[in-house]
């Protein structure tokens, strides 16, 4: 009898711990959007990005330059711009109602307007939920210094 109660307690404890470590459906949706965003850059899928970026979208790059939605969409299509690979890691999603903030690391091989901008970037992205879908309103990336 005691063995059964102990086993049940251990099972409930494990379920509680594993459940706490898992992501919510919103967090999973945001992580998927982050990956889809990178894939859209690879495929030069401006139509996807047009929907993902909010009208007030603003991107701040590692040198402090800012890009509006129209400017970033133009960057995607620009000659000499390509993303060969990207790997997102260390992502943390914090949801505050209809706002989500994502921090993480993007290790990428890419060129922007003919300039090699490959490297590891720490990023912060801000999403808002409108009309039942998540959109990016702001993104900021910082190049991780090589040690």
N, C-alpha and C. Protein backbone atom coordinates (compact mmCIF):
# COMPACT_ATOMS: atom_id res chain seq x y z
N UNK A 1 0.82 -1.19 0.00
CA UNK A 1 0.00 0.00 0.00
C UNK A 1 0.87 1.26 0.00
N UNK A 2 1.86 1.29 0.92
CA UNK A 2 2.75 2.45 0.97
C UNK A 2 3.53 2.59 -0.31
N UNK A 3 3.89 1.45 -0.90
CA UNK A 3 4.65 1.46 -2.15
C UNK A 3 3.81 2.09 -3.26
N UNK A 4 2.52 1.79 -3.33
CA UNK A 4 1.62 2.33 -4.35
C UNK A 4 1.46 3.84 -4.17
N UNK A 5 1.29 4.27 -2.94
CA UNK A 5 1.14 5.70 -2.66
C UNK A 5 2.44 6.44 -3.02
N UNK A 6 3.57 5.85 -2.66
CA UNK A 6 4.85 6.47 -2.98
C UNK A 6 5.05 6.56 -4.49
N UNK A 7 4.70 5.49 -5.21
CA UNK A 7 4.83 5.49 -6.67
C UNK A 7 3.92 6.54 -7.29
N UNK A 8 2.70 6.65 -6.78
CA UNK A 8 1.76 7.65 -7.29
C UNK A 8 2.30 9.06 -7.04
N UNK A 9 2.85 9.29 -5.86
CA UNK A 9 3.43 10.60 -5.53
C UNK A 9 4.59 10.93 -6.47
N UNK A 10 5.48 9.98 -6.70
CA UNK A 10 6.62 10.20 -7.59
C UNK A 10 6.12 10.50 -9.01
N UNK A 11 5.12 9.77 -9.47
CA UNK A 11 4.57 9.99 -10.81
C UNK A 11 3.97 11.39 -10.93
N UNK A 12 3.20 11.81 -9.94
CA UNK A 12 2.61 13.15 -9.96
C UNK A 12 3.68 14.23 -9.91
N UNK A 13 4.71 14.01 -9.09
CA UNK A 13 5.81 14.96 -9.01
C UNK A 13 6.49 15.10 -10.36
N UNK A 14 6.78 13.98 -11.02
CA UNK A 14 7.44 14.01 -12.34
C UNK A 14 6.58 14.73 -13.37
N UNK A 15 5.29 14.46 -13.37
CA UNK A 15 4.38 15.13 -14.30
C UNK A 15 4.39 16.64 -14.06
N UNK A 16 4.36 17.04 -12.79
CA UNK A 16 4.34 18.46 -12.47
C UNK A 16 5.64 19.14 -12.91
N UNK A 17 6.78 18.50 -12.65
CA UNK A 17 8.06 19.08 -13.03
C UNK A 17 8.19 19.16 -14.54
N UNK A 18 7.87 18.08 -15.24
CA UNK A 18 7.98 18.08 -16.70
C UNK A 18 7.02 19.08 -17.32
N UNK A 19 5.82 19.19 -16.78
CA UNK A 19 4.84 20.14 -17.31
C UNK A 19 5.31 21.57 -17.13
N UNK A 20 5.95 21.87 -16.01
CA UNK A 20 6.43 23.22 -15.75
C UNK A 20 7.56 23.59 -16.71
N UNK A 21 8.33 22.60 -17.14
CA UNK A 21 9.43 22.87 -18.04
C UNK A 21 8.96 23.03 -19.48
N UNK A 22 7.79 22.54 -19.82
CA UNK A 22 7.29 22.61 -21.19
C UNK A 22 6.81 24.00 -21.54
N UNK A 23 6.69 24.23 -22.83
CA UNK A 23 6.23 25.52 -23.31
C UNK A 23 4.71 25.51 -23.47
N UNK A 24 4.11 26.67 -23.30
CA UNK A 24 2.69 26.81 -23.58
C UNK A 24 2.49 26.80 -25.10
N UNK A 25 1.24 26.67 -25.51
CA UNK A 25 0.96 26.67 -26.95
C UNK A 25 1.33 28.02 -27.57
N UNK A 26 1.15 29.11 -26.85
CA UNK A 26 1.53 30.42 -27.36
C UNK A 26 3.04 30.49 -27.55
N UNK A 27 3.79 30.00 -26.57
CA UNK A 27 5.25 30.00 -26.69
C UNK A 27 5.70 29.16 -27.87
N UNK A 28 5.07 28.01 -28.07
CA UNK A 28 5.41 27.16 -29.23
C UNK A 28 5.09 27.88 -30.53
N UNK A 29 3.95 28.58 -30.57
CA UNK A 29 3.57 29.33 -31.78
C UNK A 29 4.60 30.42 -32.10
N UNK A 30 5.06 31.11 -31.07
CA UNK A 30 6.03 32.18 -31.27
C UNK A 30 7.37 31.61 -31.74
N UNK A 31 7.81 30.51 -31.15
CA UNK A 31 9.07 29.87 -31.58
C UNK A 31 8.96 29.43 -33.03
N UNK A 32 7.80 28.90 -33.41
CA UNK A 32 7.59 28.50 -34.81
C UNK A 32 7.67 29.72 -35.73
N UNK A 33 7.07 30.83 -35.31
CA UNK A 33 7.14 32.05 -36.12
C UNK A 33 8.58 32.53 -36.26
N UNK A 34 9.35 32.42 -35.20
CA UNK A 34 10.78 32.81 -35.28
C UNK A 34 11.50 31.99 -36.35
N UNK A 35 11.26 30.67 -36.35
CA UNK A 35 11.89 29.81 -37.35
C UNK A 35 11.36 30.08 -38.74
N UNK A 36 10.05 30.31 -38.86
CA UNK A 36 9.46 30.63 -40.16
C UNK A 36 10.01 31.95 -40.70
N UNK A 37 10.28 32.88 -39.81
CA UNK A 37 10.86 34.18 -40.18
C UNK A 37 12.23 33.96 -40.82
N UNK A 38 13.07 33.16 -40.19
CA UNK A 38 14.39 32.86 -40.77
C UNK A 38 14.29 32.16 -42.11
N UNK A 39 13.37 31.22 -42.21
CA UNK A 39 13.16 30.50 -43.47
C UNK A 39 12.67 31.45 -44.56
N UNK A 40 11.81 32.39 -44.19
CA UNK A 40 11.31 33.37 -45.17
C UNK A 40 12.46 34.22 -45.71
N UNK A 41 13.41 34.59 -44.86
CA UNK A 41 14.58 35.33 -45.34
C UNK A 41 15.38 34.46 -46.30
N UNK A 42 15.55 33.18 -45.96
CA UNK A 42 16.30 32.27 -46.85
C UNK A 42 15.64 32.17 -48.21
N UNK A 43 14.33 32.06 -48.21
CA UNK A 43 13.58 31.86 -49.46
C UNK A 43 13.18 33.17 -50.13
N UNK A 44 13.57 34.30 -49.49
CA UNK A 44 13.18 35.62 -50.00
C UNK A 44 11.65 35.72 -50.15
N UNK A 45 10.97 35.21 -49.15
CA UNK A 45 9.50 35.16 -49.14
C UNK A 45 8.94 36.46 -48.55
N UNK A 46 8.92 37.50 -49.37
CA UNK A 46 8.45 38.81 -48.92
C UNK A 46 6.97 38.78 -48.56
N UNK A 47 6.19 37.92 -49.19
CA UNK A 47 4.75 37.85 -48.88
C UNK A 47 4.53 37.39 -47.44
N UNK A 48 5.31 36.40 -47.00
CA UNK A 48 5.19 35.95 -45.61
C UNK A 48 5.60 37.07 -44.65
N UNK A 49 6.71 37.73 -44.97
CA UNK A 49 7.21 38.79 -44.09
C UNK A 49 6.27 39.99 -44.07
N UNK A 50 5.63 40.27 -45.18
CA UNK A 50 4.65 41.37 -45.25
C UNK A 50 3.56 41.16 -44.20
N UNK A 51 3.12 39.92 -44.03
CA UNK A 51 2.08 39.60 -43.04
C UNK A 51 2.65 39.56 -41.62
N UNK A 52 3.89 39.06 -41.48
CA UNK A 52 4.50 38.93 -40.16
C UNK A 52 4.84 40.29 -39.55
N UNK A 53 5.34 41.20 -40.36
CA UNK A 53 5.75 42.52 -39.86
C UNK A 53 4.52 43.42 -39.71
N UNK A 54 4.36 44.01 -38.53
CA UNK A 54 3.30 44.99 -38.30
C UNK A 54 3.63 46.26 -39.09
N UNK A 55 2.64 47.08 -39.34
CA UNK A 55 2.88 48.31 -40.10
C UNK A 55 3.93 49.20 -39.43
N UNK A 56 3.96 49.21 -38.10
CA UNK A 56 4.92 50.06 -37.37
C UNK A 56 6.24 49.34 -37.07
N UNK A 57 6.43 48.17 -37.66
CA UNK A 57 7.65 47.37 -37.47
C UNK A 57 8.90 48.22 -37.61
N UNK A 58 9.84 48.01 -36.70
CA UNK A 58 11.12 48.69 -36.77
C UNK A 58 12.22 47.70 -36.37
N UNK A 59 13.22 47.59 -37.23
CA UNK A 59 14.36 46.72 -36.99
C UNK A 59 15.58 47.59 -36.69
N UNK A 60 16.31 47.23 -35.64
CA UNK A 60 17.55 47.93 -35.30
C UNK A 60 18.68 46.92 -35.43
N UNK A 61 19.64 47.23 -36.30
CA UNK A 61 20.72 46.26 -36.53
C UNK A 61 21.85 46.46 -35.53
N UNK A 62 22.88 45.63 -35.65
CA UNK A 62 23.98 45.64 -34.68
C UNK A 62 24.83 46.90 -34.75
N UNK A 63 24.67 47.71 -35.78
CA UNK A 63 25.40 48.97 -35.88
C UNK A 63 24.54 50.17 -35.49
N UNK A 64 23.30 49.91 -35.09
CA UNK A 64 22.41 50.98 -34.66
C UNK A 64 21.53 51.55 -35.75
N UNK A 65 21.68 51.06 -36.98
CA UNK A 65 20.82 51.54 -38.07
C UNK A 65 19.42 50.96 -37.89
N UNK A 66 18.41 51.71 -38.28
CA UNK A 66 17.03 51.24 -38.17
C UNK A 66 16.42 51.09 -39.56
N UNK A 67 15.49 50.13 -39.65
CA UNK A 67 14.81 49.82 -40.90
C UNK A 67 13.32 49.70 -40.63
N UNK A 68 12.53 50.38 -41.44
CA UNK A 68 11.08 50.25 -41.35
C UNK A 68 10.65 48.95 -42.03
N UNK A 69 9.38 48.68 -41.97
CA UNK A 69 8.83 47.50 -42.65
C UNK A 69 9.18 47.54 -44.13
N UNK A 70 8.92 48.66 -44.79
CA UNK A 70 9.19 48.77 -46.23
C UNK A 70 10.67 48.59 -46.53
N UNK A 71 11.53 49.17 -45.71
CA UNK A 71 12.97 49.05 -45.94
C UNK A 71 13.46 47.62 -45.73
N UNK A 72 12.95 46.94 -44.70
CA UNK A 72 13.38 45.56 -44.46
C UNK A 72 12.86 44.63 -45.56
N UNK A 73 11.65 44.87 -46.04
CA UNK A 73 11.13 44.06 -47.15
C UNK A 73 11.98 44.29 -48.40
N UNK A 74 12.42 45.52 -48.61
CA UNK A 74 13.30 45.81 -49.74
C UNK A 74 14.65 45.11 -49.56
N UNK A 75 15.15 45.04 -48.33
CA UNK A 75 16.41 44.34 -48.06
C UNK A 75 16.32 42.86 -48.42
N UNK A 76 15.17 42.26 -48.14
CA UNK A 76 14.98 40.83 -48.46
C UNK A 76 15.16 40.60 -49.95
N UNK A 77 14.61 41.49 -50.75
CA UNK A 77 14.62 41.31 -52.20
C UNK A 77 15.89 41.85 -52.87
N UNK A 78 16.71 42.59 -52.13
CA UNK A 78 17.87 43.26 -52.73
C UNK A 78 18.87 42.26 -53.31
N UNK A 79 19.45 42.66 -54.44
CA UNK A 79 20.53 41.87 -55.02
C UNK A 79 21.69 41.84 -54.03
N UNK A 80 22.36 40.73 -53.95
CA UNK A 80 23.49 40.59 -53.04
C UNK A 80 23.09 40.30 -51.61
N UNK A 81 21.79 40.07 -51.38
CA UNK A 81 21.32 39.71 -50.05
C UNK A 81 20.89 38.26 -50.06
N UNK A 82 21.44 37.49 -49.13
CA UNK A 82 21.03 36.08 -49.02
C UNK A 82 21.32 35.57 -47.63
N UNK A 83 20.51 34.60 -47.22
CA UNK A 83 20.74 33.87 -45.97
C UNK A 83 20.97 32.43 -46.38
N UNK A 84 22.18 31.96 -46.16
CA UNK A 84 22.54 30.59 -46.52
C UNK A 84 22.09 29.62 -45.43
N UNK A 85 22.27 30.02 -44.17
CA UNK A 85 21.84 29.17 -43.06
C UNK A 85 21.60 30.03 -41.83
N UNK A 86 20.77 29.50 -40.94
CA UNK A 86 20.55 30.14 -39.65
C UNK A 86 20.23 29.05 -38.64
N UNK A 87 20.61 29.29 -37.40
CA UNK A 87 20.29 28.35 -36.31
C UNK A 87 19.90 29.17 -35.09
N UNK A 88 18.66 29.01 -34.68
CA UNK A 88 18.17 29.72 -33.51
C UNK A 88 18.38 28.84 -32.28
N UNK A 89 18.84 29.47 -31.20
CA UNK A 89 19.04 28.73 -29.97
C UNK A 89 18.84 29.65 -28.78
N UNK A 90 18.83 29.06 -27.60
CA UNK A 90 18.73 29.80 -26.35
C UNK A 90 17.54 30.75 -26.34
N UNK A 91 16.43 30.35 -26.99
CA UNK A 91 15.26 31.22 -27.06
C UNK A 91 14.44 31.14 -25.78
N UNK A 92 14.06 32.31 -25.32
CA UNK A 92 13.17 32.43 -24.18
C UNK A 92 12.01 33.31 -24.61
N UNK A 93 10.81 32.83 -24.37
CA UNK A 93 9.60 33.55 -24.75
C UNK A 93 8.87 33.95 -23.48
N UNK A 94 8.55 35.23 -23.36
CA UNK A 94 7.78 35.74 -22.23
C UNK A 94 6.51 36.35 -22.79
N UNK A 95 5.37 35.86 -22.34
CA UNK A 95 4.08 36.31 -22.86
C UNK A 95 3.39 37.16 -21.80
N UNK A 96 2.93 38.33 -22.24
CA UNK A 96 2.21 39.26 -21.38
C UNK A 96 0.90 39.62 -22.08
N UNK A 97 -0.08 38.76 -21.95
CA UNK A 97 -1.36 38.99 -22.63
C UNK A 97 -1.19 38.89 -24.13
N UNK A 98 -1.44 39.99 -24.83
CA UNK A 98 -1.32 40.02 -26.29
C UNK A 98 0.04 40.52 -26.76
N UNK A 99 1.03 40.45 -25.89
CA UNK A 99 2.40 40.84 -26.22
C UNK A 99 3.34 39.70 -25.84
N UNK A 100 4.31 39.42 -26.70
CA UNK A 100 5.31 38.40 -26.40
C UNK A 100 6.69 38.97 -26.72
N UNK A 101 7.63 38.72 -25.83
CA UNK A 101 9.00 39.17 -26.03
C UNK A 101 9.88 37.92 -26.11
N UNK A 102 10.70 37.86 -27.15
CA UNK A 102 11.56 36.72 -27.37
C UNK A 102 13.01 37.19 -27.34
N UNK A 103 13.83 36.47 -26.60
CA UNK A 103 15.27 36.70 -26.65
C UNK A 103 15.92 35.40 -27.09
N UNK A 104 17.04 35.51 -27.75
CA UNK A 104 17.71 34.30 -28.20
C UNK A 104 19.00 34.60 -28.92
N UNK A 105 19.51 33.55 -29.55
CA UNK A 105 20.75 33.62 -30.30
C UNK A 105 20.50 33.09 -31.71
N UNK A 106 20.92 33.83 -32.71
CA UNK A 106 20.80 33.41 -34.10
C UNK A 106 22.21 33.35 -34.68
N UNK A 107 22.63 32.15 -35.05
CA UNK A 107 23.93 31.97 -35.69
C UNK A 107 23.64 31.79 -37.17
N UNK A 108 24.17 32.69 -37.99
CA UNK A 108 23.76 32.75 -39.38
C UNK A 108 24.95 32.93 -40.33
N UNK A 109 24.76 32.43 -41.53
CA UNK A 109 25.67 32.71 -42.65
C UNK A 109 24.83 33.52 -43.63
N UNK A 110 25.26 34.76 -43.88
CA UNK A 110 24.43 35.65 -44.69
C UNK A 110 25.24 36.77 -45.30
N UNK A 111 24.66 37.37 -46.33
CA UNK A 111 25.19 38.60 -46.90
C UNK A 111 24.04 39.59 -46.97
N UNK A 112 24.35 40.84 -46.77
CA UNK A 112 23.35 41.91 -46.88
C UNK A 112 23.92 42.95 -47.83
N UNK A 113 23.26 43.07 -48.98
CA UNK A 113 23.70 44.00 -50.03
C UNK A 113 25.17 43.79 -50.37
N UNK A 114 25.56 42.51 -50.50
CA UNK A 114 26.91 42.16 -50.90
C UNK A 114 27.93 42.09 -49.78
N UNK A 115 27.56 42.50 -48.58
CA UNK A 115 28.49 42.51 -47.45
C UNK A 115 28.24 41.27 -46.58
N UNK A 116 29.32 40.53 -46.28
CA UNK A 116 29.20 39.37 -45.40
C UNK A 116 28.86 39.84 -43.99
N UNK A 117 27.70 39.46 -43.52
CA UNK A 117 27.27 39.83 -42.16
C UNK A 117 27.03 38.58 -41.32
N UNK A 118 27.72 37.50 -41.67
CA UNK A 118 27.58 36.24 -40.94
C UNK A 118 28.06 36.42 -39.50
N UNK A 119 27.51 35.62 -38.61
CA UNK A 119 27.97 35.66 -37.23
C UNK A 119 26.90 35.17 -36.29
N UNK A 120 27.18 35.33 -35.02
CA UNK A 120 26.23 34.99 -33.96
C UNK A 120 25.66 36.29 -33.43
N UNK A 121 24.33 36.38 -33.40
CA UNK A 121 23.64 37.59 -32.97
C UNK A 121 22.70 37.27 -31.81
N UNK A 122 22.79 38.04 -30.75
CA UNK A 122 21.78 38.02 -29.70
C UNK A 122 20.65 38.92 -30.19
N UNK A 123 19.42 38.47 -29.99
CA UNK A 123 18.30 39.27 -30.48
C UNK A 123 17.19 39.38 -29.45
N UNK A 124 16.42 40.43 -29.61
CA UNK A 124 15.18 40.64 -28.86
C UNK A 124 14.11 41.00 -29.88
N UNK A 125 13.03 40.24 -29.88
CA UNK A 125 11.91 40.49 -30.79
C UNK A 125 10.65 40.72 -29.96
N UNK A 126 9.83 41.67 -30.40
CA UNK A 126 8.58 41.98 -29.72
C UNK A 126 7.43 41.68 -30.69
N UNK A 127 6.52 40.82 -30.24
CA UNK A 127 5.34 40.44 -31.01
C UNK A 127 4.09 40.97 -30.32
N UNK A 128 3.09 41.32 -31.12
CA UNK A 128 1.76 41.65 -30.59
C UNK A 128 0.74 40.81 -31.33
N UNK A 129 -0.33 40.46 -30.63
CA UNK A 129 -1.39 39.67 -31.25
C UNK A 129 -2.51 40.62 -31.67
N UNK A 130 -2.80 40.59 -32.99
CA UNK A 130 -3.85 41.42 -33.56
C UNK A 130 -4.68 40.58 -34.51
N UNK A 131 -5.98 40.75 -34.42
CA UNK A 131 -6.89 40.04 -35.32
C UNK A 131 -6.59 38.53 -35.33
N UNK A 132 -6.24 38.00 -34.16
CA UNK A 132 -6.04 36.56 -34.03
C UNK A 132 -4.70 36.03 -34.50
N UNK A 133 -3.76 36.92 -34.87
CA UNK A 133 -2.44 36.44 -35.32
C UNK A 133 -1.34 37.31 -34.72
N UNK A 134 -0.17 36.71 -34.58
CA UNK A 134 0.99 37.39 -34.02
C UNK A 134 1.76 38.13 -35.11
N UNK A 135 2.16 39.37 -34.80
CA UNK A 135 2.98 40.16 -35.70
C UNK A 135 4.18 40.73 -34.94
N UNK A 136 5.27 40.93 -35.65
CA UNK A 136 6.46 41.53 -35.06
C UNK A 136 6.34 43.05 -35.16
N UNK A 137 6.55 43.74 -34.04
CA UNK A 137 6.55 45.20 -34.06
C UNK A 137 7.96 45.76 -33.94
N UNK A 138 8.87 44.99 -33.32
CA UNK A 138 10.25 45.48 -33.17
C UNK A 138 11.21 44.31 -33.06
N UNK A 139 12.40 44.52 -33.60
CA UNK A 139 13.47 43.54 -33.47
C UNK A 139 14.78 44.30 -33.33
N UNK A 140 15.68 43.71 -32.56
CA UNK A 140 16.99 44.32 -32.37
C UNK A 140 18.01 43.20 -32.25
N UNK A 141 19.12 43.32 -32.97
CA UNK A 141 20.16 42.30 -32.93
C UNK A 141 21.52 42.89 -32.60
N UNK A 142 22.28 42.16 -31.80
CA UNK A 142 23.63 42.58 -31.43
C UNK A 142 24.61 41.47 -31.76
N UNK A 143 25.64 41.81 -32.49
CA UNK A 143 26.66 40.83 -32.86
C UNK A 143 27.42 40.40 -31.62
N UNK A 144 27.54 39.10 -31.44
CA UNK A 144 28.28 38.56 -30.31
C UNK A 144 29.77 38.64 -30.65
N UNK A 145 30.53 39.24 -29.78
CA UNK A 145 31.96 39.39 -30.01
C UNK A 145 32.64 38.03 -29.99
N UNK A 146 33.57 37.83 -30.92
CA UNK A 146 34.33 36.59 -30.95
C UNK A 146 35.38 36.64 -29.86
N UNK A 147 35.53 35.52 -29.17
CA UNK A 147 36.52 35.46 -28.08
C UNK A 147 37.78 34.81 -28.53
